[in-house]
């Protein structure tokens, strides 16, 4: 099962994305768990590094999508990030935060389905599992493929990864 976050302040746009994900799941016999966040601040404050794919609006109040993505990459550089935006000019900024792709609003199903299929295939090819580590007050997700070694001394765990 693939876990997807929708970070979108507009209820109508969020509902369209959700319905497209569900439609894609029905058409391709995929199961998704979908969670919606109203803004970047809510997303970051509640983030648990368990999402496989994130659809993120760029223009949001409180904490915009670019700032949210930068913060997200501090503790999860593996999640598949797709920006959803009104203006294509923001697409270039996606490279700064390793976004997989972007979708320009208004979102059309065919284009959306192609991007979601690409993300699903990418997740499946990379997914071997993760180690979730609590570091200070946050949780960091590290792919098993990136772990070089783990040592445990009493209550302390030391690790190295790529």
Foldseek 3Di string as FASTA:
>chain_A
DAEEEEAAQDPVQSVVLVVLVVVLCVVVVHDYHYYYHNHLVRCLVPPAQPHQEYEAEQDDPPAGPLRSLVSVCVAELRHAYEYEYQDPVCQVSCVVSVHPYYHHPPGDSVVVSVVVVVSVVVSVVQDPDWDWDDDPPGIHTDGPVFWPDWDDDPPDIDTDGD
